[in-house]
């Protein structure tokens, strides 16, 4: 079969090979804009290649993958696709950061019914921007056009990240965490990318609001407020680890499951975290959703980040130095002393390490 006949056959099946070639060109250009010194040209382009940086002694590879979840529905409804890519990168690189790792390479997967080059470019521009914020390279990806499988004008995305950390510097340092260690919270940019199934139920089903509706409490349209991209903590936190190498004992990325699920993951079973609920002010978007759904504080803490996107477990002697560092070098990230590590008490059948918020 000639190439022209194959193109026509595929087009009749709903796949446009010419359009697919156009988006590959777009992707290559945007990927090249994120290239770092570690990127190695990949012969044939079937895989991405990069060298481990020479300054990482005893390197341990770290991997993470994630998606954006039903936050994508907000992008579909608003027609705004420029921020979703940042979310995709953020959810992966912030997980790599939890182990003290440096994100090195990122790959994306985009699947849709029919590729729109304009929408594709917006998405991948966001991915490239997220990679630049994290200091990693977009080294490849996959785009699948699947007519009859996805609804028109809808898509799904997934991200995959590889990072590395020097084995002696890998976090958490479970043996070093002690009662009295402080919990420092790093402010989130908003909802990030978690809890959107509940958000959409409250906003669109229970209250039949629209994405272009201006919400006085949020000083913005509902769509814009819900699409605020996830904050990427990589560069300032890695710089802090270099500056104060023994001050941070563990870190947690506050994603799905909120405080209750994520902080215990980086603590030894003999210790828990006590968070003082008056140690920070929960941002308006969370209170707005709480009022819409008449949600309890406990539901907020278990579902959303409540304004805290990342938590550091630190030596008490280093607390002020760390806060001063952020104030000087990353003033856009507000820091709060949330509480402290305490001895755990386990009940029958319970996980001994937990989070207490009071």
C-alpha atoms as a PDB file:
ATOM      1  CA  UNK A   1       0.000   0.000   0.000  1.00  0.00           C
ATOM      2  CA  UNK A   2       1.380   3.430  -0.931  1.00  0.00           C
ATOM      3  CA  UNK A   3       1.877   6.076   1.752  1.00  0.00           C
ATOM      4  CA  UNK A   4      -0.879   8.227   0.247  1.00  0.00           C
ATOM      5  CA  UNK A   5      -3.305   5.284   0.328  1.00  0.00           C
ATOM      6  CA  UNK A   6      -2.310   4.507   3.923  1.00  0.00           C
ATOM      7  CA  UNK A   7      -2.841   8.148   4.907  1.00  0.00           C
ATOM      8  CA  UNK A   8      -6.327   8.092   3.427  1.00  0.00           C
ATOM      9  CA  UNK A   9      -7.205   4.812   5.102  1.00  0.00           C
ATOM     10  CA  UNK A  10      -6.081   6.139   8.482  1.00  0.00           C
ATOM     11  CA  UNK A  11      -7.947   9.416   7.879  1.00  0.00           C
ATOM     12  CA  UNK A  12     -11.159   7.510   7.245  1.00  0.00           C
ATOM     13  CA  UNK A  13     -10.604   5.754  10.559  1.00  0.00           C
ATOM     14  CA  UNK A  14     -10.352   9.156  12.268  1.00  0.00           C
ATOM     15  CA  UNK A  15      -6.553   9.560  12.473  1.00  0.00           C
ATOM     16  CA  UNK A  16      -4.766  12.317  10.543  1.00  0.00           C
ATOM     17  CA  UNK A  17      -1.098  11.405   9.995  1.00  0.00           C
ATOM     18  CA  UNK A  18      -0.242  14.858   8.653  1.00  0.00           C
ATOM     19  CA  UNK A  19      -1.591  16.484  11.801  1.00  0.00           C
ATOM     20  CA  UNK A  20       0.287  13.949  13.895  1.00  0.00           C
ATOM     21  CA  UNK A  21       3.513  14.927  12.149  1.00  0.00           C
ATOM     22  CA  UNK A  22       2.801  18.575  12.911  1.00  0.00           C
ATOM     23  CA  UNK A  23       2.485  17.968  16.647  1.00  0.00           C
ATOM     24  CA  UNK A  24       5.714  15.928  16.684  1.00  0.00           C
ATOM     25  CA  UNK A  25       7.527  18.962  15.290  1.00  0.00           C
ATOM     26  CA  UNK A  26       5.970  21.179  17.967  1.00  0.00           C
ATOM     27  CA  UNK A  27       6.980  18.716  20.685  1.00  0.00           C
ATOM     28  CA  UNK A  28      10.590  18.535  19.512  1.00  0.00           C
ATOM     29  CA  UNK A  29      10.947  22.312  19.496  1.00  0.00           C
ATOM     30  CA  UNK A  30       9.532  22.667  23.004  1.00  0.00           C
ATOM     31  CA  UNK A  31      11.585  19.734  24.319  1.00  0.00           C
ATOM     32  CA  UNK A  32      14.769  21.301  22.952  1.00  0.00           C
ATOM     33  CA  UNK A  33      14.008  24.455  24.937  1.00  0.00           C
ATOM     34  CA  UNK A  34      14.332  22.442  28.186  1.00  0.00           C
ATOM     35  CA  UNK A  35      17.598  20.676  27.349  1.00  0.00           C
ATOM     36  CA  UNK A  36      20.228  20.517  30.110  1.00  0.00           C
ATOM     37  CA  UNK A  37      23.895  19.538  30.023  1.00  0.00           C
ATOM     38  CA  UNK A  38      22.923  15.953  30.893  1.00  0.00           C
ATOM     39  CA  UNK A  39      20.855  15.431  27.733  1.00  0.00           C
ATOM     40  CA  UNK A  40      22.513  13.192  25.146  1.00  0.00           C
ATOM     41  CA  UNK A  41      21.306  13.098  21.514  1.00  0.00           C
ATOM     42  CA  UNK A  42      19.329   9.874  21.062  1.00  0.00           C
ATOM     43  CA  UNK A  43      20.076   8.084  17.808  1.00  0.00           C
ATOM     44  CA  UNK A  44      16.809   7.455  15.958  1.00  0.00           C
ATOM     45  CA  UNK A  45      14.691   9.202  18.574  1.00  0.00           C
ATOM     46  CA  UNK A  46      13.049   6.040  19.928  1.00  0.00           C
ATOM     47  CA  UNK A  47      14.120   6.846  23.484  1.00  0.00           C
ATOM     48  CA  UNK A  48      15.398   9.772  25.493  1.00  0.00           C
ATOM     49  CA  UNK A  49      18.976   9.709  26.747  1.00  0.00           C
ATOM     50  CA  UNK A  50      20.823  11.620  29.450  1.00  0.00           C
ATOM     51  CA  UNK A  51      23.991  11.255  31.492  1.00  0.00           C
ATOM     52  CA  UNK A  52      24.014  11.152  35.279  1.00  0.00           C
ATOM     53  CA  UNK A  53      25.580  14.403  36.535  1.00  0.00           C
ATOM     54  CA  UNK A  54      29.148  13.891  37.719  1.00  0.00           C
ATOM     55  CA  UNK A  55      28.540  15.837  40.943  1.00  0.00           C
ATOM     56  CA  UNK A  56      26.132  13.198  42.327  1.00  0.00           C
ATOM     57  CA  UNK A  57      28.315  10.726  44.234  1.00  0.00           C
ATOM     58  CA  UNK A  58      26.946   7.197  44.759  1.00  0.00           C
ATOM     59  CA  UNK A  59      23.876   8.057  42.677  1.00  0.00           C
ATOM     60  CA  UNK A  60      20.538   6.393  43.384  1.00  0.00           C
ATOM     61  CA  UNK A  61      17.953   6.709  40.617  1.00  0.00           C
ATOM     62  CA  UNK A  62      14.499   7.908  41.657  1.00  0.00           C
ATOM     63  CA  UNK A  63      11.368   7.509  39.557  1.00  0.00           C
ATOM     64  CA  UNK A  64       7.873   8.954  39.752  1.00  0.00           C
ATOM     65  CA  UNK A  65       4.763   9.020  37.610  1.00  0.00           C
ATOM     66  CA  UNK A  66       1.472  10.837  38.010  1.00  0.00           C
ATOM     67  CA  UNK A  67      -1.387  12.528  36.216  1.00  0.00           C
ATOM     68  CA  UNK A  68      -3.568  15.572  36.787  1.00  0.00           C
ATOM     69  CA  UNK A  69      -6.817  13.762  37.542  1.00  0.00           C
ATOM     70  CA  UNK A  70     -10.204  15.362  37.064  1.00  0.00           C
ATOM     71  CA  UNK A  71      -8.695  18.847  37.150  1.00  0.00           C
ATOM     72  CA  UNK A  72      -8.553  18.211  33.398  1.00  0.00           C
ATOM     73  CA  UNK A  73     -12.336  18.667  33.309  1.00  0.00           C
ATOM     74  CA  UNK A  74     -11.860  22.306  34.337  1.00  0.00           C
ATOM     75  CA  UNK A  75      -9.448  22.789  31.431  1.00  0.00           C
ATOM     76  CA  UNK A  76     -12.001  21.273  29.039  1.00  0.00           C
ATOM     77  CA  UNK A  77     -14.759  23.555  30.333  1.00  0.00           C
ATOM     78  CA  UNK A  78     -12.697  26.744  30.240  1.00  0.00           C
ATOM     79  CA  UNK A  79     -10.718  26.026  27.083  1.00  0.00           C
ATOM     80  CA  UNK A  80      -7.552  26.943  29.034  1.00  0.00           C
ATOM     81  CA  UNK A  81      -4.862  24.313  28.469  1.00  0.00           C
ATOM     82  CA  UNK A  82      -1.671  26.253  29.284  1.00  0.00           C
ATOM     83  CA  UNK A  83      -1.436  25.341  32.984  1.00  0.00           C
ATOM     84  CA  UNK A  84      -2.182  21.603  32.944  1.00  0.00           C
ATOM     85  CA  UNK A  85       1.361  20.779  31.809  1.00  0.00           C
ATOM     86  CA  UNK A  86       2.834  22.604  34.802  1.00  0.00           C
ATOM     87  CA  UNK A  87       0.595  20.530  37.083  1.00  0.00           C
ATOM     88  CA  UNK A  88       1.741  17.344  35.373  1.00  0.00           C
ATOM     89  CA  UNK A  89       5.424  18.099  35.924  1.00  0.00           C
ATOM     90  CA  UNK A  90       4.882  19.394  39.458  1.00  0.00           C
ATOM     91  CA  UNK A  91       3.146  16.269  40.710  1.00  0.00           C
ATOM     92  CA  UNK A  92       6.118  14.154  39.610  1.00  0.00           C
ATOM     93  CA  UNK A  93       9.110  16.360  40.435  1.00  0.00           C
ATOM     94  CA  UNK A  94       7.821  17.279  43.895  1.00  0.00           C
ATOM     95  CA  UNK A  95       7.637  13.546  44.659  1.00  0.00           C
ATOM     96  CA  UNK A  96      11.246  13.090  43.495  1.00  0.00           C
ATOM     97  CA  UNK A  97      12.205  16.011  45.749  1.00  0.00           C
ATOM     98  CA  UNK A  98      10.798  14.252  48.841  1.00  0.00           C
ATOM     99  CA  UNK A  99      13.805  11.899  48.763  1.00  0.00           C
ATOM    100  CA  UNK A 100      16.200  14.813  48.350  1.00  0.00           C
ATOM    101  CA  UNK A 101      16.456  14.025  44.646  1.00  0.00           C
ATOM    102  CA  UNK A 102      17.237  16.200  41.662  1.00  0.00           C
ATOM    103  CA  UNK A 103      14.791  15.708  38.763  1.00  0.00           C
ATOM    104  CA  UNK A 104      16.779  15.004  35.597  1.00  0.00           C
ATOM    105  CA  UNK A 105      14.493  13.861  32.804  1.00  0.00           C
ATOM    106  CA  UNK A 106      10.763  14.007  32.129  1.00  0.00           C
ATOM    107  CA  UNK A 107       8.508  12.210  29.652  1.00  0.00           C
ATOM    108  CA  UNK A 108       4.841  12.821  28.916  1.00  0.00           C
ATOM    109  CA  UNK A 109       1.955  10.814  27.497  1.00  0.00           C
ATOM    110  CA  UNK A 110      -1.033  12.496  25.848  1.00  0.00           C
ATOM    111  CA  UNK A 111      -4.045  10.556  24.567  1.00  0.00           C
ATOM    112  CA  UNK A 112      -7.063  12.060  22.851  1.00  0.00           C
ATOM    113  CA  UNK A 113      -9.741  11.311  20.269  1.00  0.00           C
ATOM    114  CA  UNK A 114      -8.470  13.808  17.715  1.00  0.00           C
ATOM    115  CA  UNK A 115      -5.343  15.883  18.087  1.00  0.00           C
ATOM    116  CA  UNK A 116      -5.693  19.650  17.922  1.00  0.00           C
ATOM    117  CA  UNK A 117      -2.242  21.155  17.226  1.00  0.00           C
ATOM    118  CA  UNK A 118      -3.244  24.338  19.072  1.00  0.00           C
ATOM    119  CA  UNK A 119      -4.366  22.505  22.223  1.00  0.00           C
ATOM    120  CA  UNK A 120      -1.369  20.170  22.017  1.00  0.00           C
ATOM    121  CA  UNK A 121       0.996  23.130  21.831  1.00  0.00           C
ATOM    122  CA  UNK A 122      -0.626  24.750  24.883  1.00  0.00           C
ATOM    123  CA  UNK A 123      -0.292  21.540  26.890  1.00  0.00           C
ATOM    124  CA  UNK A 124       3.328  20.876  25.947  1.00  0.00           C
ATOM    125  CA  UNK A 125       4.271  24.529  26.483  1.00  0.00           C
ATOM    126  CA  UNK A 126       3.053  24.057  30.053  1.00  0.00           C
ATOM    127  CA  UNK A 127       5.096  20.868  30.395  1.00  0.00           C
ATOM    128  CA  UNK A 128       8.181  22.683  29.100  1.00  0.00           C
ATOM    129  CA  UNK A 129       7.591  25.540  31.531  1.00  0.00           C
ATOM    130  CA  UNK A 130       7.249  23.070  34.416  1.00  0.00           C
ATOM    131  CA  UNK A 131      10.483  21.353  33.404  1.00  0.00           C
ATOM    132  CA  UNK A 132      12.292  24.696  33.350  1.00  0.00           C
ATOM    133  CA  UNK A 133      10.962  25.533  36.813  1.00  0.00           C
ATOM    134  CA  UNK A 134      12.226  22.157  38.059  1.00  0.00           C
ATOM    135  CA  UNK A 135      15.542  22.257  36.183  1.00  0.00           C
ATOM    136  CA  UNK A 136      14.923  18.997  34.341  1.00  0.00           C
ATOM    137  CA  UNK A 137      14.776  18.161  30.638  1.00  0.00           C
ATOM    138  CA  UNK A 138      11.797  17.031  28.595  1.00  0.00           C
ATOM    139  CA  UNK A 139      13.476  14.156  26.745  1.00  0.00           C
ATOM    140  CA  UNK A 140      10.547  12.515  24.996  1.00  0.00           C
ATOM    141  CA  UNK A 141       6.971  11.380  25.156  1.00  0.00           C
ATOM    142  CA  UNK A 142       4.100   9.727  23.358  1.00  0.00           C
ATOM    143  CA  UNK A 143       0.972  11.092  21.726  1.00  0.00           C
ATOM    144  CA  UNK A 144      -1.916   8.743  20.938  1.00  0.00           C
ATOM    145  CA  UNK A 145      -4.866   9.655  18.713  1.00  0.00           C
ATOM    146  CA  UNK A 146      -7.662   7.225  19.623  1.00  0.00           C
ATOM    147  CA  UNK A 147     -10.991   8.082  17.952  1.00  0.00           C
ATOM    148  CA  UNK A 148     -13.955   6.280  19.471  1.00  0.00           C
ATOM    149  CA  UNK A 149     -12.137   5.806  22.778  1.00  0.00           C
ATOM    150  CA  UNK A 150     -12.106   9.386  24.152  1.00  0.00           C
ATOM    151  CA  UNK A 151     -14.894  11.950  23.997  1.00  0.00           C
ATOM    152  CA  UNK A 152     -14.393  14.747  21.429  1.00  0.00           C
ATOM    153  CA  UNK A 153     -12.197  17.624  22.690  1.00  0.00           C
ATOM    154  CA  UNK A 154     -11.155  15.645  25.760  1.00  0.00           C
ATOM    155  CA  UNK A 155      -7.769  14.140  26.565  1.00  0.00           C
ATOM    156  CA  UNK A 156      -5.749  12.499  29.301  1.00  0.00           C
ATOM    157  CA  UNK A 157      -2.150  13.148  30.270  1.00  0.00           C
ATOM    158  CA  UNK A 158       0.440  11.261  32.311  1.00  0.00           C
ATOM    159  CA  UNK A 159       3.943  12.235  33.328  1.00  0.00           C
ATOM    160  CA  UNK A 160       7.046  10.226  34.157  1.00  0.00           C
ATOM    161  CA  UNK A 161      10.169  11.580  35.828  1.00  0.00           C
ATOM    162  CA  UNK A 162      13.634  10.184  36.541  1.00  0.00           C
ATOM    163  CA  UNK A 163      15.822  11.841  39.152  1.00  0.00           C
ATOM    164  CA  UNK A 164      18.876  11.023  41.227  1.00  0.00           C
ATOM    165  CA  UNK A 165      20.200  11.564  44.712  1.00  0.00           C
ATOM    166  CA  UNK A 166      23.506  10.792  46.357  1.00  0.00           C
ATOM    167  CA  UNK A 167      22.879   7.743  48.550  1.00  0.00           C
ATOM    168  CA  UNK A 168      24.366   9.281  51.737  1.00  0.00           C
ATOM    169  CA  UNK A 169      22.074  12.310  51.289  1.00  0.00           C
ATOM    170  CA  UNK A 170      18.875  10.392  50.609  1.00  0.00           C
ATOM    171  CA  UNK A 171      15.820  11.332  52.687  1.00  0.00           C
ATOM    172  CA  UNK A 172      14.071  10.577  54.952  1.00  0.00           C
ATOM    173  CA  UNK A 173      16.643  10.001  57.664  1.00  0.00           C
ATOM    174  CA  UNK A 174      14.333   7.937  59.843  1.00  0.00           C
ATOM    175  CA  UNK A 175      16.910   7.258  62.560  1.00  0.00           C
ATOM    176  CA  UNK A 176      17.601  10.975  62.931  1.00  0.00           C
ATOM    177  CA  UNK A 177      13.993  12.101  63.463  1.00  0.00           C
ATOM    178  CA  UNK A 178      13.313  12.808  67.141  1.00  0.00           C
ATOM    179  CA  UNK A 179      10.496  14.153  69.313  1.00  0.00           C
ATOM    180  CA  UNK A 180      10.736  17.928  69.331  1.00  0.00           C
ATOM    181  CA  UNK A 181      11.792  18.239  65.675  1.00  0.00           C
ATOM    182  CA  UNK A 182       9.843  21.019  64.003  1.00  0.00           C
ATOM    183  CA  UNK A 183       7.444  20.856  61.070  1.00  0.00           C
ATOM    184  CA  UNK A 184       7.840  23.714  58.598  1.00  0.00           C
ATOM    185  CA  UNK A 185       5.123  24.138  56.011  1.00  0.00           C
ATOM    186  CA  UNK A 186       5.754  25.657  52.584  1.00  0.00           C
ATOM    187  CA  UNK A 187       2.765  27.487  51.170  1.00  0.00           C
ATOM    188  CA  UNK A 188       0.875  25.999  48.246  1.00  0.00           C
ATOM    189  CA  UNK A 189      -0.343  28.011  45.278  1.00  0.00           C
ATOM    190  CA  UNK A 190      -3.890  26.748  45.747  1.00  0.00           C
ATOM    191  CA  UNK A 191      -5.614  23.398  45.346  1.00  0.00           C
ATOM    192  CA  UNK A 192      -2.710  22.003  43.315  1.00  0.00           C
ATOM    193  CA  UNK A 193      -4.072  18.843  41.619  1.00  0.00           C
ATOM    194  CA  UNK A 194      -5.949  16.936  44.308  1.00  0.00           C
ATOM    195  CA  UNK A 195      -9.530  16.690  45.477  1.00  0.00           C
ATOM    196  CA  UNK A 196     -11.094  17.761  42.187  1.00  0.00           C
ATOM    197  CA  UNK A 197     -13.739  15.034  42.103  1.00  0.00           C
ATOM    198  CA  UNK A 198     -15.141  16.519  45.322  1.00  0.00           C
ATOM    199  CA  UNK A 199     -14.586  20.077  44.045  1.00  0.00           C
ATOM    200  CA  UNK A 200     -16.517  19.433  40.843  1.00  0.00           C
ATOM    201  CA  UNK A 201     -19.383  17.801  42.741  1.00  0.00           C
ATOM    202  CA  UNK A 202     -19.711  20.759  45.102  1.00  0.00           C
ATOM    203  CA  UNK A 203     -19.350  23.446  42.446  1.00  0.00           C
ATOM    204  CA  UNK A 204     -21.020  22.047  39.347  1.00  0.00           C
ATOM    205  CA  UNK A 205     -23.477  19.434  40.618  1.00  0.00           C
ATOM    206  CA  UNK A 206     -24.623  20.656  44.018  1.00  0.00           C
ATOM    207  CA  UNK A 207     -24.533  24.397  43.237  1.00  0.00           C
ATOM    208  CA  UNK A 208     -24.654  24.445  39.390  1.00  0.00           C
ATOM    209  CA  UNK A 209     -22.050  27.190  39.114  1.00  0.00           C
ATOM    210  CA  UNK A 210     -20.180  27.930  35.874  1.00  0.00           C
ATOM    211  CA  UNK A 211     -16.441  28.246  35.251  1.00  0.00           C
ATOM    212  CA  UNK A 212     -16.787  31.839  34.007  1.00  0.00           C
ATOM    213  CA  UNK A 213     -18.685  32.947  37.107  1.00  0.00           C
ATOM    214  CA  UNK A 214     -16.841  35.620  39.137  1.00  0.00           C
ATOM    215  CA  UNK A 215     -16.540  34.605  42.783  1.00  0.00           C
ATOM    216  CA  UNK A 216     -16.166  37.562  45.135  1.00  0.00           C
ATOM    217  CA  UNK A 217     -14.427  35.535  47.856  1.00  0.00           C
ATOM    218  CA  UNK A 218     -11.759  34.425  45.353  1.00  0.00           C
ATOM    219  CA  UNK A 219     -11.472  37.754  43.490  1.00  0.00           C
ATOM    220  CA  UNK A 220     -11.423  35.775  40.244  1.00  0.00           C
ATOM    221  CA  UNK A 221     -13.531  33.589  38.011  1.00  0.00           C
ATOM    222  CA  UNK A 222     -14.161  30.117  39.327  1.00  0.00           C
ATOM    223  CA  UNK A 223     -12.347  28.539  36.374  1.00  0.00           C
ATOM    224  CA  UNK A 224      -9.198  30.611  36.829  1.00  0.00           C
ATOM    225  CA  UNK A 225      -9.094  29.943  40.570  1.00  0.00           C
ATOM    226  CA  UNK A 226      -9.468  26.179  40.074  1.00  0.00           C
ATOM    227  CA  UNK A 227      -6.815  26.071  37.330  1.00  0.00           C
ATOM    228  CA  UNK A 228      -4.058  27.768  39.361  1.00  0.00           C
ATOM    229  CA  UNK A 229      -1.040  25.546  38.606  1.00  0.00           C
ATOM    230  CA  UNK A 230       0.695  23.440  41.228  1.00  0.00           C
ATOM    231  CA  UNK A 231       3.742  25.047  42.840  1.00  0.00           C
ATOM    232  CA  UNK A 232       7.104  23.449  42.069  1.00  0.00           C
ATOM    233  CA  UNK A 233       9.425  23.446  45.109  1.00  0.00           C
ATOM    234  CA  UNK A 234      12.474  21.825  43.540  1.00  0.00           C
ATOM    235  CA  UNK A 235      14.996  24.621  43.011  1.00  0.00           C
ATOM    236  CA  UNK A 236      14.703  26.445  46.369  1.00  0.00           C
ATOM    237  CA  UNK A 237      14.565  23.228  48.414  1.00  0.00           C
ATOM    238  CA  UNK A 238      17.554  21.643  46.641  1.00  0.00           C
ATOM    239  CA  UNK A 239      19.537  24.845  47.167  1.00  0.00           C
ATOM    240  CA  UNK A 240      18.559  24.770  50.851  1.00  0.00           C
ATOM    241  CA  UNK A 241      19.728  21.147  51.180  1.00  0.00           C
ATOM    242  CA  UNK A 242      23.119  22.207  49.813  1.00  0.00           C
ATOM    243  CA  UNK A 243      23.338  25.219  52.103  1.00  0.00           C
ATOM    244  CA  UNK A 244      22.176  23.475  55.301  1.00  0.00           C
ATOM    245  CA  UNK A 245      22.850  19.793  54.559  1.00  0.00           C
ATOM    246  CA  UNK A 246      22.047  18.357  57.992  1.00  0.00           C
ATOM    247  CA  UNK A 247      19.087  20.510  58.896  1.00  0.00           C
ATOM    248  CA  UNK A 248      16.298  18.660  57.055  1.00  0.00           C
ATOM    249  CA  UNK A 249      15.517  15.105  58.178  1.00  0.00           C
ATOM    250  CA  UNK A 250      12.450  14.355  56.066  1.00  0.00           C
ATOM    251  CA  UNK A 251      10.055  16.002  53.626  1.00  0.00           C
ATOM    252  CA  UNK A 252       6.484  15.298  52.557  1.00  0.00           C
ATOM    253  CA  UNK A 253       4.553  16.331  49.449  1.00  0.00           C
ATOM    254  CA  UNK A 254       0.969  17.103  50.496  1.00  0.00           C
ATOM    255  CA  UNK A 255      -1.124  15.526  47.752  1.00  0.00           C
ATOM    256  CA  UNK A 256      -4.190  13.258  47.790  1.00  0.00           C
ATOM    257  CA  UNK A 257      -5.017  12.288  51.359  1.00  0.00           C
ATOM    258  CA  UNK A 258      -3.878  15.643  52.719  1.00  0.00           C
ATOM    259  CA  UNK A 259      -1.925  15.839  55.970  1.00  0.00           C
ATOM    260  CA  UNK A 260      -3.251  12.591  57.431  1.00  0.00           C
ATOM    261  CA  UNK A 261      -2.002  10.347  54.630  1.00  0.00           C
ATOM    262  CA  UNK A 262       1.206  12.003  53.463  1.00  0.00           C
ATOM    263  CA  UNK A 263       3.167  13.053  56.549  1.00  0.00           C
ATOM    264  CA  UNK A 264       3.166   9.601  58.245  1.00  0.00           C
ATOM    265  CA  UNK A 265       4.732   8.128  55.094  1.00  0.00           C
ATOM    266  CA  UNK A 266       8.069   9.752  55.986  1.00  0.00           C
ATOM    267  CA  UNK A 267       8.046   9.106  59.756  1.00  0.00           C
ATOM    268  CA  UNK A 268       9.208   6.056  61.725  1.00  0.00           C
ATOM    269  CA  UNK A 269       6.331   4.100  63.323  1.00  0.00           C
ATOM    270  CA  UNK A 270       7.315   5.249  66.814  1.00  0.00           C
ATOM    271  CA  UNK A 271       6.715   8.934  66.024  1.00  0.00           C
ATOM    272  CA  UNK A 272       3.759  11.096  65.051  1.00  0.00           C
ATOM    273  CA  UNK A 273       3.238  14.680  63.949  1.00  0.00           C
ATOM    274  CA  UNK A 274       1.337  17.257  65.996  1.00  0.00           C
ATOM    275  CA  UNK A 275       0.063  20.141  63.869  1.00  0.00           C
ATOM    276  CA  UNK A 276      -1.350  23.258  65.520  1.00  0.00           C
ATOM    277  CA  UNK A 277      -4.417  24.309  63.533  1.00  0.00           C
ATOM    278  CA  UNK A 278      -3.931  27.979  64.407  1.00  0.00           C
ATOM    279  CA  UNK A 279      -0.343  28.046  63.050  1.00  0.00           C
ATOM    280  CA  UNK A 280      -1.441  29.207  59.585  1.00  0.00           C
ATOM    281  CA  UNK A 281      -4.437  30.751  57.842  1.00  0.00           C
ATOM    282  CA  UNK A 282      -6.242  28.447  55.421  1.00  0.00           C
ATOM    283  CA  UNK A 283      -6.526  30.315  52.076  1.00  0.00           C
ATOM    284  CA  UNK A 284      -9.921  31.545  50.797  1.00  0.00           C
ATOM    285  CA  UNK A 285     -10.379  28.906  48.064  1.00  0.00           C
ATOM    286  CA  UNK A 286     -10.471  26.127  50.686  1.00  0.00           C
ATOM    287  CA  UNK A 287     -12.858  28.003  52.980  1.00  0.00           C
ATOM    288  CA  UNK A 288     -15.066  28.775  49.987  1.00  0.00           C
ATOM    289  CA  UNK A 289     -15.324  25.079  49.137  1.00  0.00           C
ATOM    290  CA  UNK A 290     -15.824  24.203  52.796  1.00  0.00           C
ATOM    291  CA  UNK A 291     -18.793  26.578  53.013  1.00  0.00           C
ATOM    292  CA  UNK A 292     -20.300  25.281  49.761  1.00  0.00           C
ATOM    293  CA  UNK A 293     -20.246  21.703  50.996  1.00  0.00           C
ATOM    294  CA  UNK A 294     -20.561  22.291  54.734  1.00  0.00           C
ATOM    295  CA  UNK A 295     -17.379  20.258  55.095  1.00  0.00           C
ATOM    296  CA  UNK A 296     -15.740  19.619  58.446  1.00  0.00           C
ATOM    297  CA  UNK A 297     -12.196  20.785  59.133  1.00  0.00           C
ATOM    298  CA  UNK A 298     -11.187  17.129  59.329  1.00  0.00           C
ATOM    299  CA  UNK A 299     -12.489  16.561  55.784  1.00  0.00           C
ATOM    300  CA  UNK A 300     -10.447  19.532  54.578  1.00  0.00           C
ATOM    301  CA  UNK A 301      -7.271  18.226  56.202  1.00  0.00           C
ATOM    302  CA  UNK A 302      -7.840  14.746  54.750  1.00  0.00           C
ATOM    303  CA  UNK A 303      -8.716  15.862  51.198  1.00  0.00           C
ATOM    304  CA  UNK A 304      -6.820  19.059  50.379  1.00  0.00           C
ATOM    305  CA  UNK A 305      -3.445  20.623  51.100  1.00  0.00           C
ATOM    306  CA  UNK A 306      -5.256  23.502  52.876  1.00  0.00           C
ATOM    307  CA  UNK A 307      -2.557  25.968  51.795  1.00  0.00           C
ATOM    308  CA  UNK A 308       0.479  23.798  52.662  1.00  0.00           C
ATOM    309  CA  UNK A 309       1.959  22.035  49.645  1.00  0.00           C
ATOM    310  CA  UNK A 310       5.187  20.706  51.139  1.00  0.00           C
ATOM    311  CA  UNK A 311       6.333  19.949  54.695  1.00  0.00           C
ATOM    312  CA  UNK A 312       9.874  19.822  56.085  1.00  0.00           C
ATOM    313  CA  UNK A 313      10.835  17.910  59.244  1.00  0.00           C
ATOM    314  CA  UNK A 314      13.778  19.873  60.631  1.00  0.00           C
ATOM    315  CA  UNK A 315      16.216  20.115  63.490  1.00  0.00           C
ATOM    316  CA  UNK A 316      14.817  22.695  65.954  1.00  0.00           C
ATOM    317  CA  UNK A 317      18.133  24.583  65.908  1.00  0.00           C
ATOM    318  CA  UNK A 318      17.776  25.064  62.141  1.00  0.00           C
ATOM    319  CA  UNK A 319      14.175  26.278  62.090  1.00  0.00           C
ATOM    320  CA  UNK A 320      14.926  29.999  61.983  1.00  0.00           C
ATOM    321  CA  UNK A 321      17.796  29.598  59.501  1.00  0.00           C
ATOM    322  CA  UNK A 322      15.481  27.762  57.132  1.00  0.00           C
ATOM    323  CA  UNK A 323      12.756  30.381  57.383  1.00  0.00           C
ATOM    324  CA  UNK A 324      15.306  33.140  56.879  1.00  0.00           C
ATOM    325  CA  UNK A 325      16.601  31.327  53.803  1.00  0.00           C
ATOM    326  CA  UNK A 326      13.180  31.252  52.170  1.00  0.00           C
ATOM    327  CA  UNK A 327      12.497  34.863  53.106  1.00  0.00           C
ATOM    328  CA  UNK A 328      15.720  35.904  51.373  1.00  0.00           C
ATOM    329  CA  UNK A 329      15.992  33.504  48.422  1.00  0.00           C
ATOM    330  CA  UNK A 330      12.395  32.410  47.709  1.00  0.00           C
ATOM    331  CA  UNK A 331      10.173  35.169  49.126  1.00  0.00           C
ATOM    332  CA  UNK A 332       7.174  34.003  47.081  1.00  0.00           C
ATOM    333  CA  UNK A 333       7.030  30.833  49.210  1.00  0.00           C
ATOM    334  CA  UNK A 334       5.678  31.649  52.647  1.00  0.00           C
ATOM    335  CA  UNK A 335       6.849  29.385  55.470  1.00  0.00           C
ATOM    336  CA  UNK A 336       4.989  28.452  58.648  1.00  0.00           C
ATOM    337  CA  UNK A 337       6.020  26.469  61.734  1.00  0.00           C
ATOM    338  CA  UNK A 338       3.133  24.020  61.794  1.00  0.00           C
ATOM    339  CA  UNK A 339       4.019  21.988  64.879  1.00  0.00           C
ATOM    340  CA  UNK A 340       6.402  19.308  66.044  1.00  0.00           C
ATOM    341  CA  UNK A 341       7.210  15.609  66.122  1.00  0.00           C
ATOM    342  CA  UNK A 342       5.893  13.701  69.130  1.00  0.00           C
ATOM    343  CA  UNK A 343       6.016  10.124  70.410  1.00  0.00           C
ATOM    344  CA  UNK A 344       3.374   7.918  68.809  1.00  0.00           C
ATOM    345  CA  UNK A 345       0.609   6.153  70.677  1.00  0.00           C
ATOM    346  CA  UNK A 346      -0.974   3.204  68.883  1.00  0.00           C
ATOM    347  CA  UNK A 347      -4.429   1.834  69.427  1.00  0.00           C
ATOM    348  CA  UNK A 348      -5.588  -1.643  68.502  1.00  0.00           C
ATOM    349  CA  UNK A 349      -5.327  -2.153  64.764  1.00  0.00           C
ATOM    350  CA  UNK A 350      -4.130   1.390  64.133  1.00  0.00           C
ATOM    351  CA  UNK A 351      -1.026   2.596  62.371  1.00  0.00           C
ATOM    352  CA  UNK A 352       1.169   3.929  65.162  1.00  0.00           C
ATOM    353  CA  UNK A 353       2.511   6.886  63.201  1.00  0.00           C
ATOM    354  CA  UNK A 354      -0.205   9.482  62.594  1.00  0.00           C
ATOM    355  CA  UNK A 355      -0.992  13.162  62.344  1.00  0.00           C
ATOM    356  CA  UNK A 356      -2.798  14.946  65.158  1.00  0.00           C
ATOM    357  CA  UNK A 357      -4.288  18.349  64.319  1.00  0.00           C
ATOM    358  CA  UNK A 358      -5.530  20.399  67.256  1.00  0.00           C
END
